[in-house]
Amino acid sequence: MAGISKRIWMLLVATSAIAPIVHASEPPPPVHYDIGLDVRNNEVEAITVRAMVRTGDDGVVDFKPPSQPPVEVRAESGHLDTSIGDHWHVTGAPGAEIVLTWRSPKPDPSPSVGWSAWQKVIAQPGNVFAFGSVLLAIPKGPATRLVTETMSLPPGWQGASSMGNRPSTLEKLPYTSFVASRDLSTVTRPIGATNALHVASMGGRAQDVDAIATLLATTLSALGDVPEDVTLNLLIFNNGDGYGYSIGGPSATLLLSRYDPSHPWLFGLAEDLGSSNDTPGKANTAWFTRGFTGYRVANALVAHGVFDRTAFARHVDQTLNAYGGSPLRRASNAAVAEDYDRIREMHDLPAARGELFAWLIDARIREATRGRKHLSDALGRMDGSSPDPGPALIAAVVAEGGGDISPLYQRYIVDGELLQLPADTLGPCFAIGTVVYDYGWQVQHVFAKPQSQCDRPALVGADSSAKPGRDAIRR
């Protein structure tokens, strides 16, 4: 379906609990899936999944069925009851291993990116793909319960899961995906000094897959704090015009109708992956973990030439719109923390407000140091172990010669006053204006100026030692 132009979230999360027959201090044993293909004449007729999990002390395991109903389900071990409707009820002896097997319908041919990819198993000649929520029955239990996975594929087929080679958790499982192909392309790129991006792709040209992997890994490396390897399942349909993606921790799936060298998906995907290690229950720091990640990603895209002046202005304008149009834009940070997981608008607010605050502080540092320093310099000296980034940021800005920003932090982050960027925040290549509507609502916009009006070269938010190239953003 054309026009998918923003990330798509699958809101399926396993709940309730399974009481494991282990010591109270020990985690429950992992859930294991084995995924196999039923192939005829090199085309996938169905995907067969075998799940193994131990019962609790009540001898019961309840599964949430796949969102696409299977054509067949049976218990190899245990007694299965599917009459309840919203879950599969399996009973056995306390602590016994339950083995459940089900078979998907014949995959749906899908020539382009569309909602069907999030609703059913899809296929192209010699390829098959499914999201975890579509393919897997997920046992109800603790969100942190580990999940492992293997694949049983016919000769000539290769497969990949966005889980990668490590265990996942029940919480992340619906967001993972599975792909198998007779012509699977795999690429690995380093992320920083210790981690890597692992890409498995079907449908794209080798040079396009390589370009996507290299650019995403380079962008993530610029964030500096990606804590582990990242896996990406990439599907390029070569038909239509649109894209969509899903994130589950450090696992991601990207669906493209076609290869687009402007990479319209890159900012959102990199921002979400860069924020995937947010600590649960720390909504009060989302303005930093999400908002400042947006600042870092935008800097990286400028440095790599993905954002020219116009694209950068468009990005900041979208951020201003998201913030300025939010009915909760004046919410205090305490209010954000209280309703972060309850109100969608409150969940979205910190990313926009935090990024705008980052550009404001970047401008203050540049002004105080006459362009020698940027916010990126202060972020590089911050104590990453600090549980509260506010004081750590304030101290780092002072240390870089940017002055005391504590009043700004109090006003715009803690108290939630309306954040309005000064007209010259982004430098002489950009103009920021404010539209005041009849009913008093104010929304800011940013515009890129002609090249002739850019009188001082500098990369937006770049490291102070960087050298601007021919197409660099000037300010």
Protein backbone atom coordinates (compact mmCIF):
# COMPACT_ATOMS: atom_id res chain seq x y z
CA MET A 1 0.00 0.00 0.00
CA ALA A 2 1.48 3.32 -1.03
CA GLY A 3 1.93 6.08 1.47
CA ILE A 4 3.25 4.22 4.49
CA SER A 5 5.52 6.98 5.63
CA LYS A 6 6.03 6.51 9.32
CA ARG A 7 6.87 3.77 11.73
CA ILE A 8 4.20 1.23 12.49
CA TRP A 9 3.92 -0.19 15.97
CA MET A 10 2.51 -3.62 16.76
CA LEU A 11 0.80 -3.31 20.14
CA LEU A 12 0.67 -6.96 21.14
CA VAL A 13 2.26 -7.60 24.53
CA ALA A 14 2.03 -10.84 26.50
CA THR A 15 0.57 -10.38 29.97
CA SER A 16 -0.37 -12.36 33.13
CA ALA A 17 2.02 -14.88 34.60
CA ILE A 18 3.27 -18.43 34.55
CA ALA A 19 4.43 -19.72 37.92
CA PRO A 20 7.60 -21.70 37.22
CA ILE A 21 8.60 -24.79 39.19
CA VAL A 22 11.97 -23.41 40.15
CA HIS A 23 13.38 -21.69 43.17
CA ALA A 24 11.80 -18.27 43.64
CA SER A 25 15.09 -16.50 42.89
CA GLU A 26 15.57 -18.31 39.57
CA PRO A 27 14.10 -17.10 36.28
CA PRO A 28 11.59 -19.32 34.48
CA PRO A 29 13.10 -21.58 31.80
CA PRO A 30 13.19 -20.14 28.27
CA VAL A 31 10.50 -20.67 25.67
CA HIS A 32 11.89 -22.32 22.56
CA TYR A 33 10.57 -22.11 18.99
CA ASP A 34 11.60 -24.18 16.00
CA ILE A 35 10.48 -22.70 12.67
CA GLY A 36 10.27 -24.86 9.57
CA LEU A 37 9.06 -24.51 5.98
CA ASP A 38 6.68 -26.71 4.02
CA VAL A 39 8.01 -26.32 0.46
CA ARG A 40 6.70 -27.64 -2.86
CA ASN A 41 8.41 -26.83 -6.17
CA ASN A 42 10.58 -24.29 -4.36
CA GLU A 43 7.52 -22.35 -3.15
CA VAL A 44 6.47 -22.12 0.49
CA GLU A 45 3.12 -23.78 1.15
CA ALA A 46 3.13 -23.05 4.88
CA ILE A 47 5.32 -22.33 7.90
CA THR A 48 5.24 -24.91 10.68
CA VAL A 49 6.17 -23.76 14.18
CA ARG A 50 6.97 -26.01 17.13
CA ALA A 51 6.97 -24.38 20.59
CA MET A 52 8.40 -25.96 23.75
CA VAL A 53 7.73 -24.55 27.22
CA ARG A 54 7.39 -25.96 30.74
CA THR A 55 4.21 -25.69 32.77
CA GLY A 56 4.03 -23.95 36.11
CA ASP A 57 3.18 -25.63 39.38
CA ASP A 58 -0.48 -25.61 38.31
CA GLY A 59 0.36 -27.59 35.17
CA VAL A 60 -1.08 -24.89 32.89
CA VAL A 61 0.25 -22.82 30.00
CA ASP A 62 -1.96 -20.28 28.20
CA PHE A 63 -0.87 -19.14 24.74
CA LYS A 64 -1.99 -16.03 22.89
CA PRO A 65 -2.59 -17.40 19.36
CA PRO A 66 -0.92 -15.88 16.28
CA SER A 67 -2.85 -12.92 14.89
CA GLN A 68 -3.29 -14.88 11.64
CA PRO A 69 -5.19 -18.02 12.65
CA PRO A 70 -3.31 -21.20 11.73
CA VAL A 71 -4.92 -23.94 9.65
CA GLU A 72 -3.86 -26.60 12.13
CA VAL A 73 -2.75 -26.73 15.77
CA ARG A 74 -2.04 -29.74 17.96
CA ALA A 75 -0.29 -30.62 21.20
CA GLU A 76 2.48 -33.19 20.91
CA SER A 77 2.80 -33.13 24.68
CA GLY A 78 0.02 -31.94 26.99
CA HIS A 79 -3.71 -31.47 26.48
CA LEU A 80 -4.82 -28.60 24.22
CA ASP A 81 -8.14 -26.76 24.54
CA THR A 82 -8.86 -24.14 21.84
CA SER A 83 -12.55 -23.67 22.66
CA ILE A 84 -12.01 -20.55 24.79
CA GLY A 85 -11.33 -18.39 21.73
CA ASP A 86 -8.91 -15.71 22.85
CA HIS A 87 -6.22 -18.12 24.01
CA TRP A 88 -5.01 -21.70 23.73
CA HIS A 89 -5.25 -23.49 27.08
CA VAL A 90 -2.71 -26.30 27.51
CA THR A 91 -2.52 -28.55 30.58
CA GLY A 92 -0.03 -31.17 31.70
CA ALA A 93 1.78 -32.40 34.76
CA PRO A 94 3.33 -29.70 36.96
CA GLY A 95 6.75 -28.80 35.60
CA ALA A 96 6.26 -30.91 32.47
CA GLU A 97 7.40 -29.82 29.03
CA ILE A 98 4.57 -28.77 26.74
CA VAL A 99 5.16 -29.18 23.00
CA LEU A 100 2.73 -27.34 20.72
CA THR A 101 2.79 -27.38 16.92
CA TRP A 102 0.82 -25.25 14.46
CA ARG A 103 0.80 -24.63 10.71
CA SER A 104 0.25 -21.27 9.03
CA PRO A 105 -2.04 -20.73 6.02
CA LYS A 106 -0.49 -20.58 2.58
CA PRO A 107 1.51 -17.30 2.39
CA ASP A 108 -0.17 -14.38 0.71
CA PRO A 109 1.60 -13.00 -2.41
CA SER A 110 2.39 -9.36 -1.69
CA PRO A 111 3.96 -7.27 -4.48
CA SER A 112 4.43 -4.11 -2.41
CA VAL A 113 4.58 -2.76 1.12
CA GLY A 114 1.14 -2.81 2.68
CA TRP A 115 -0.83 -3.58 5.78
CA SER A 116 -0.86 -7.26 4.81
CA ALA A 117 2.74 -7.55 6.00
CA TRP A 118 1.56 -6.82 9.54
CA GLN A 119 -1.47 -9.09 9.26
CA LYS A 120 -0.39 -12.31 7.57
CA VAL A 121 2.49 -14.41 6.34
CA ILE A 122 3.53 -13.05 2.93
CA ALA A 123 5.63 -14.43 0.11
CA GLN A 124 7.35 -13.74 -3.17
CA PRO A 125 8.76 -16.43 -5.48
CA GLY A 126 11.44 -18.19 -3.44
CA ASN A 127 10.89 -15.94 -0.39
CA VAL A 128 8.68 -15.89 2.70
CA PHE A 129 8.31 -13.40 5.56
CA ALA A 130 6.31 -13.08 8.79
CA PHE A 131 6.24 -10.82 11.84
CA GLY A 132 6.44 -12.55 15.22
CA SER A 133 2.95 -11.47 16.20
CA VAL A 134 1.55 -12.95 12.98
CA LEU A 135 3.40 -16.27 13.11
CA LEU A 136 3.97 -17.14 16.77
CA ALA A 137 1.71 -18.27 19.57
CA ILE A 138 3.15 -16.53 22.63
CA PRO A 139 2.79 -18.01 26.12
CA LYS A 140 1.47 -15.63 28.72
CA GLY A 141 3.99 -14.94 31.42
CA PRO A 142 6.63 -12.52 32.70
CA ALA A 143 7.65 -10.02 30.02
CA THR A 144 11.31 -10.72 30.76
CA ARG A 145 11.05 -14.47 30.16
CA LEU A 146 13.70 -15.52 27.64
CA VAL A 147 12.92 -16.86 24.19
CA THR A 148 15.22 -18.92 21.98
CA GLU A 149 14.76 -19.96 18.38
CA THR A 150 16.04 -22.40 15.76
CA MET A 151 15.14 -22.91 12.08
CA SER A 152 14.63 -26.14 10.17
CA LEU A 153 14.88 -25.26 6.48
CA PRO A 154 14.97 -27.35 3.31
CA PRO A 155 18.21 -27.64 1.30
CA GLY A 156 18.94 -24.47 -0.66
CA TRP A 157 17.00 -22.20 1.71
CA GLN A 158 18.48 -19.72 4.18
CA GLY A 159 16.67 -18.02 7.03
CA ALA A 160 17.11 -15.20 9.49
CA SER A 161 15.30 -13.86 12.51
CA SER A 162 15.54 -10.29 13.70
CA MET A 163 16.20 -11.84 17.12
CA GLY A 164 19.67 -12.60 15.82
CA ASN A 165 21.75 -15.24 17.57
CA ARG A 166 20.83 -14.24 21.11
CA PRO A 167 17.76 -14.94 23.25
CA SER A 168 14.95 -12.41 23.12
CA THR A 169 12.11 -11.88 25.62
CA LEU A 170 8.36 -12.33 25.54
CA GLU A 171 7.94 -8.56 25.61
CA LYS A 172 9.92 -8.08 22.39
CA LEU A 173 8.77 -11.21 20.59
CA PRO A 174 5.74 -9.69 18.75
CA TYR A 175 8.03 -7.09 17.15
CA THR A 176 10.55 -9.59 15.76
CA SER A 177 10.31 -11.07 12.28
CA PHE A 178 11.32 -14.15 10.32
CA VAL A 179 12.52 -14.29 6.72
CA ALA A 180 13.59 -17.24 4.57
CA SER A 181 14.78 -17.24 0.98
CA ARG A 182 16.60 -19.21 -1.67
CA ASP A 183 18.64 -16.06 -2.29
CA LEU A 184 19.11 -14.40 1.10
CA SER A 185 21.62 -11.55 1.22
CA THR A 186 23.47 -11.00 4.50
CA VAL A 187 25.70 -8.07 5.42
CA THR A 188 27.54 -7.27 8.65
CA ARG A 189 28.88 -3.82 9.51
CA PRO A 190 30.64 -2.62 12.69
CA ILE A 191 28.89 -0.27 15.10
CA GLY A 192 31.58 1.55 17.02
CA ALA A 193 34.44 -0.53 18.39
CA THR A 194 32.58 -3.43 19.98
CA ASN A 195 29.20 -4.04 18.32
CA ALA A 196 27.85 -4.84 14.88
CA LEU A 197 24.81 -4.48 12.62
CA HIS A 198 23.63 -7.76 11.06
CA VAL A 199 21.37 -7.35 8.03
CA ALA A 200 19.45 -10.13 6.27
CA SER A 201 17.69 -9.01 3.09
CA MET A 202 15.49 -10.33 0.33
CA GLY A 203 14.38 -8.58 -2.81
CA GLY A 204 17.06 -5.92 -3.10
CA ARG A 205 20.16 -5.49 -5.24
CA ALA A 206 23.39 -6.29 -3.45
CA GLN A 207 24.71 -2.73 -3.84
CA ASP A 208 21.50 -1.26 -2.39
CA VAL A 209 21.55 -3.59 0.62
CA ASP A 210 25.22 -2.77 1.16
CA ALA A 211 24.51 0.98 1.01
CA ILE A 212 21.65 0.70 3.51
CA ALA A 213 23.69 -1.41 5.93
CA THR A 214 26.71 0.88 5.75
CA LEU A 215 24.70 4.06 6.25
CA LEU A 216 22.64 2.70 9.15
CA ALA A 217 25.72 1.30 10.92
CA THR A 218 27.60 4.57 10.47
CA THR A 219 24.65 6.55 11.80
CA LEU A 220 24.31 4.29 14.84
CA SER A 221 28.07 4.53 15.46
CA ALA A 222 27.71 8.30 15.69
CA LEU A 223 25.31 7.89 18.63
CA GLY A 224 28.14 6.45 20.68
CA ASP A 225 26.03 4.46 23.15
CA VAL A 226 24.38 1.58 21.27
CA PRO A 227 24.80 -1.13 23.94
CA GLU A 228 24.69 -4.32 21.85
CA ASP A 229 24.54 -5.81 18.37
CA VAL A 230 21.63 -4.75 16.18
CA THR A 231 19.81 -7.06 13.77
CA LEU A 232 17.76 -5.89 10.78
CA ASN A 233 15.51 -7.89 8.48
CA LEU A 234 15.22 -5.89 5.24
CA LEU A 235 12.64 -6.52 2.52
CA ILE A 236 12.64 -4.55 -0.74
CA PHE A 237 9.53 -5.31 -2.80
CA ASN A 238 10.49 -3.36 -5.96
CA ASN A 239 6.89 -2.28 -6.40
CA GLY A 240 4.88 0.73 -5.22
CA ASP A 241 5.94 3.69 -3.11
CA GLY A 242 6.05 3.46 0.67
CA TYR A 243 7.85 2.03 3.66
CA GLY A 244 7.26 0.80 7.16
CA TYR A 245 9.31 -0.56 10.03
CA SER A 246 9.00 -2.20 13.41
CA ILE A 247 11.35 -2.14 16.41
CA GLY A 248 11.76 -4.66 19.21
CA GLY A 249 14.72 -3.60 21.36
CA PRO A 250 17.86 -3.98 19.22
CA SER A 251 15.90 -5.94 16.60
CA ALA A 252 14.32 -4.19 13.63
CA THR A 253 12.41 -4.95 10.45
CA LEU A 254 12.37 -2.54 7.51
CA LEU A 255 9.96 -2.95 4.58
CA LEU A 256 10.62 -0.84 1.47
CA SER A 257 8.56 -0.67 -1.70
CA ARG A 258 11.71 0.38 -3.52
CA TYR A 259 15.23 1.58 -2.87
CA ASP A 260 15.22 5.35 -2.35
CA PRO A 261 18.68 7.00 -2.11
CA SER A 262 17.18 9.78 0.04
CA HIS A 263 16.48 7.16 2.76
CA PRO A 264 13.29 8.75 4.16
CA TRP A 265 13.07 6.03 6.82
CA LEU A 266 16.59 6.49 8.19
CA PHE A 267 16.04 9.16 10.84
CA GLY A 268 13.11 7.41 12.51
CA LEU A 269 14.69 3.97 12.44
CA ALA A 270 18.06 5.15 13.77
CA GLU A 271 16.38 7.28 16.46
CA ASP A 272 14.27 4.37 17.68
CA LEU A 273 17.19 1.93 17.65
CA GLY A 274 19.34 4.50 19.46
CA SER A 275 16.64 4.82 22.12
CA SER A 276 15.91 1.09 22.41
CA ASN A 277 17.97 0.73 25.59
CA ASP A 278 15.77 3.12 27.57
CA THR A 279 15.47 1.85 31.13
CA PRO A 280 11.89 0.76 31.91
CA GLY A 281 10.26 3.02 34.47
CA LYS A 282 12.52 5.96 33.58
CA ALA A 283 10.01 8.06 31.67
CA ASN A 284 11.26 11.13 33.51
CA THR A 285 14.49 10.95 31.46
CA ALA A 286 12.84 10.36 28.05
CA TRP A 287 13.44 14.02 27.12
CA PHE A 288 17.15 13.09 27.07
CA THR A 289 17.23 9.44 25.98
CA ARG A 290 14.85 10.08 23.09
CA GLY A 291 15.12 13.81 22.37
CA PHE A 292 18.90 14.06 22.47
CA THR A 293 19.15 10.88 20.41
CA GLY A 294 17.16 12.75 17.75
CA TYR A 295 19.71 15.58 17.89
CA ARG A 296 22.59 13.13 17.48
CA VAL A 297 20.94 11.29 14.58
CA ALA A 298 20.22 14.56 12.76
CA ASN A 299 23.87 15.57 13.19
CA ALA A 300 25.02 12.25 11.79
CA LEU A 301 22.75 12.58 8.75
CA VAL A 302 24.10 16.07 8.09
CA ALA A 303 27.68 14.85 8.39
CA HIS A 304 27.04 11.98 5.96
CA GLY A 305 25.29 14.14 3.40
CA VAL A 306 21.85 12.54 3.84
CA PHE A 307 20.51 15.88 5.08
CA ASP A 308 21.27 18.91 2.94
CA ARG A 309 20.04 22.34 4.11
CA THR A 310 16.52 21.78 2.83
CA ALA A 311 16.19 18.28 4.28
CA PHE A 312 17.58 19.41 7.62
CA ALA A 313 15.16 22.36 7.75
CA ARG A 314 12.30 20.01 6.88
CA HIS A 315 13.29 17.69 9.71
CA VAL A 316 13.47 20.43 12.35
CA ASP A 317 10.20 21.87 11.03
CA GLN A 318 8.53 18.49 11.56
CA THR A 319 9.89 18.41 15.10
CA LEU A 320 8.56 21.92 15.74
CA ASN A 321 5.17 20.85 14.39
CA ALA A 322 5.09 17.76 16.58
CA TYR A 323 5.88 19.83 19.65
CA GLY A 324 3.87 22.92 18.78
CA GLY A 325 0.81 20.90 17.83
CA SER A 326 0.79 18.77 20.96
CA PRO A 327 -2.08 19.54 23.34
CA LEU A 328 0.27 18.53 26.17
CA ARG A 329 3.25 20.66 25.17
CA ARG A 330 3.14 22.61 28.47
CA ALA A 331 3.11 19.47 30.61
CA SER A 332 5.73 19.37 33.36
CA ASN A 333 8.26 16.56 33.31
CA ALA A 334 6.59 15.08 36.38
CA ALA A 335 3.30 14.95 34.45
CA VAL A 336 5.09 13.33 31.52
CA ALA A 337 6.49 10.63 33.80
CA GLU A 338 3.09 9.97 35.36
CA ASP A 339 1.21 9.54 32.08
CA TYR A 340 4.00 8.40 29.76
CA ASP A 341 2.66 4.87 29.35
CA ARG A 342 -1.01 5.83 29.55
CA ILE A 343 -1.46 8.68 27.05
CA ARG A 344 0.00 8.40 23.55
CA GLU A 345 0.44 12.18 23.18
CA MET A 346 2.39 12.23 26.44
CA HIS A 347 4.59 9.38 25.22
CA ASP A 348 5.40 11.32 22.03
CA LEU A 349 6.10 14.69 23.70
CA PRO A 350 9.60 14.11 25.22
CA ALA A 351 11.22 13.22 21.88
CA ALA A 352 10.15 16.50 20.27
CA ARG A 353 10.68 18.71 23.30
CA GLY A 354 14.03 17.12 24.10
CA GLU A 355 15.38 17.55 20.57
CA LEU A 356 14.32 21.22 20.42
CA PHE A 357 15.93 21.77 23.81
CA ALA A 358 19.11 20.20 22.42
CA TRP A 359 19.19 22.64 19.48
CA LEU A 360 18.62 25.52 21.91
CA ILE A 361 21.55 24.41 24.11
CA ASP A 362 23.73 23.82 21.04
CA ALA A 363 23.12 27.44 20.01
CA ARG A 364 24.00 28.69 23.51
CA ILE A 365 27.28 26.76 23.50
CA ARG A 366 28.23 27.99 20.02
CA GLU A 367 27.48 31.57 21.00
CA ALA A 368 29.44 31.36 24.25
CA THR A 369 32.48 29.73 22.59
CA ARG A 370 32.31 31.72 19.32
CA GLY A 371 31.62 28.56 17.37
CA ARG A 372 34.51 26.50 18.75
CA LYS A 373 32.25 24.11 20.67
CA HIS A 374 28.92 22.38 20.15
CA LEU A 375 26.52 20.41 22.27
CA SER A 376 28.13 17.24 20.89
CA ASP A 377 31.32 18.21 22.73
CA ALA A 378 29.41 18.46 26.02
CA LEU A 379 27.65 15.16 25.41
CA GLY A 380 31.02 13.54 24.82
CA ARG A 381 32.19 14.52 28.31
CA MET A 382 28.95 13.64 30.15
CA ASP A 383 29.00 10.91 32.76
CA GLY A 384 26.97 8.19 31.06
CA SER A 385 26.42 6.33 34.36
CA SER A 386 24.47 9.20 35.91
CA PRO A 387 20.85 8.19 36.65
CA ASP A 388 19.74 11.80 36.14
CA PRO A 389 21.02 13.34 32.89
CA GLY A 390 19.87 16.87 33.83
CA PRO A 391 22.61 17.78 36.34
CA ALA A 392 25.18 15.84 34.31
CA LEU A 393 24.28 17.83 31.19
CA ILE A 394 24.42 21.13 33.06
CA ALA A 395 27.88 20.30 34.42
CA ALA A 396 29.16 19.20 31.01
CA VAL A 397 27.96 22.38 29.31
CA VAL A 398 29.71 24.50 31.95
CA ALA A 399 32.90 22.49 31.49
CA GLU A 400 32.82 23.15 27.72
CA GLY A 401 32.48 26.90 28.26
CA GLY A 402 28.78 27.09 27.44
CA GLY A 403 27.74 28.81 30.66
CA ASP A 404 25.01 27.91 33.13
CA ILE A 405 21.97 26.40 31.42
CA SER A 406 20.24 25.37 34.65
CA PRO A 407 17.55 28.11 34.32
CA LEU A 408 16.72 26.85 30.81
CA TYR A 409 16.59 23.27 32.03
CA GLN A 410 14.26 24.25 34.87
CA ARG A 411 11.92 26.23 32.62
CA TYR A 412 11.61 24.01 29.60
CA ILE A 413 12.23 20.48 30.87
CA VAL A 414 11.27 20.44 34.55
CA ASP A 415 8.43 22.99 34.52
CA GLY A 416 7.32 22.46 30.91
CA GLU A 417 7.09 26.10 29.87
CA LEU A 418 6.44 26.68 26.17
CA LEU A 419 9.76 26.28 24.36
CA GLN A 420 10.20 28.83 21.56
CA LEU A 421 13.46 28.78 19.62
CA PRO A 422 15.11 32.15 18.90
CA ALA A 423 15.09 33.03 15.21
CA ASP A 424 18.85 32.44 14.80
CA THR A 425 19.07 29.16 16.77
CA LEU A 426 20.24 27.15 13.74
CA GLY A 427 22.54 29.84 12.36
CA PRO A 428 22.43 32.21 9.38
CA CYS A 429 21.40 29.56 6.85
CA PHE A 430 18.04 29.05 8.57
CA ALA A 431 15.19 31.27 9.66
CA ILE A 432 12.77 30.35 12.43
CA GLY A 433 9.42 32.11 12.50
CA THR A 434 6.36 31.87 14.71
CA VAL A 435 2.79 31.65 13.45
CA VAL A 436 0.20 33.01 15.90
CA TYR A 437 -3.35 31.90 15.24
CA ASP A 438 -6.50 33.90 16.04
CA TYR A 439 -7.22 31.81 19.11
CA GLY A 440 -3.70 32.41 20.52
CA TRP A 441 -2.03 29.09 19.65
CA GLN A 442 1.56 29.51 18.45
CA VAL A 443 3.53 27.14 16.22
CA GLN A 444 7.06 27.71 14.98
CA HIS A 445 8.47 26.85 11.55
CA VAL A 446 11.99 26.74 10.09
CA PHE A 447 13.10 27.61 6.57
CA ALA A 448 16.38 27.09 4.73
CA LYS A 449 17.84 30.30 3.29
CA PRO A 450 19.54 30.53 -0.13
CA GLN A 451 23.21 29.65 -0.23
CA SER A 452 24.12 33.30 -0.84
CA GLN A 453 22.83 34.22 2.63
CA CYS A 454 25.05 31.73 4.47
CA ASP A 455 28.02 33.79 5.58
CA ARG A 456 29.85 31.51 8.07
CA PRO A 457 30.66 27.84 7.34
CA ALA A 458 29.93 25.30 10.07
CA LEU A 459 28.24 21.95 10.28
CA VAL A 460 25.00 22.00 12.23
CA GLY A 461 25.76 20.49 15.61
CA ALA A 462 28.86 18.70 14.32
CA ASP A 463 31.94 17.99 16.34
CA SER A 464 34.00 21.16 16.56
CA SER A 465 36.94 19.48 14.84
CA ALA A 466 34.93 18.49 11.74
CA LYS A 467 35.67 20.08 8.39
CA PRO A 468 32.70 21.13 6.22
CA GLY A 469 32.66 19.66 2.73
CA ARG A 470 31.39 21.15 -0.51
CA ASP A 471 27.76 20.37 0.34
CA ALA A 472 28.02 21.04 4.08
CA ILE A 473 25.32 22.96 5.84
CA ARG A 474 26.49 26.49 6.43
CA ARG A 475 25.35 28.78 9.17
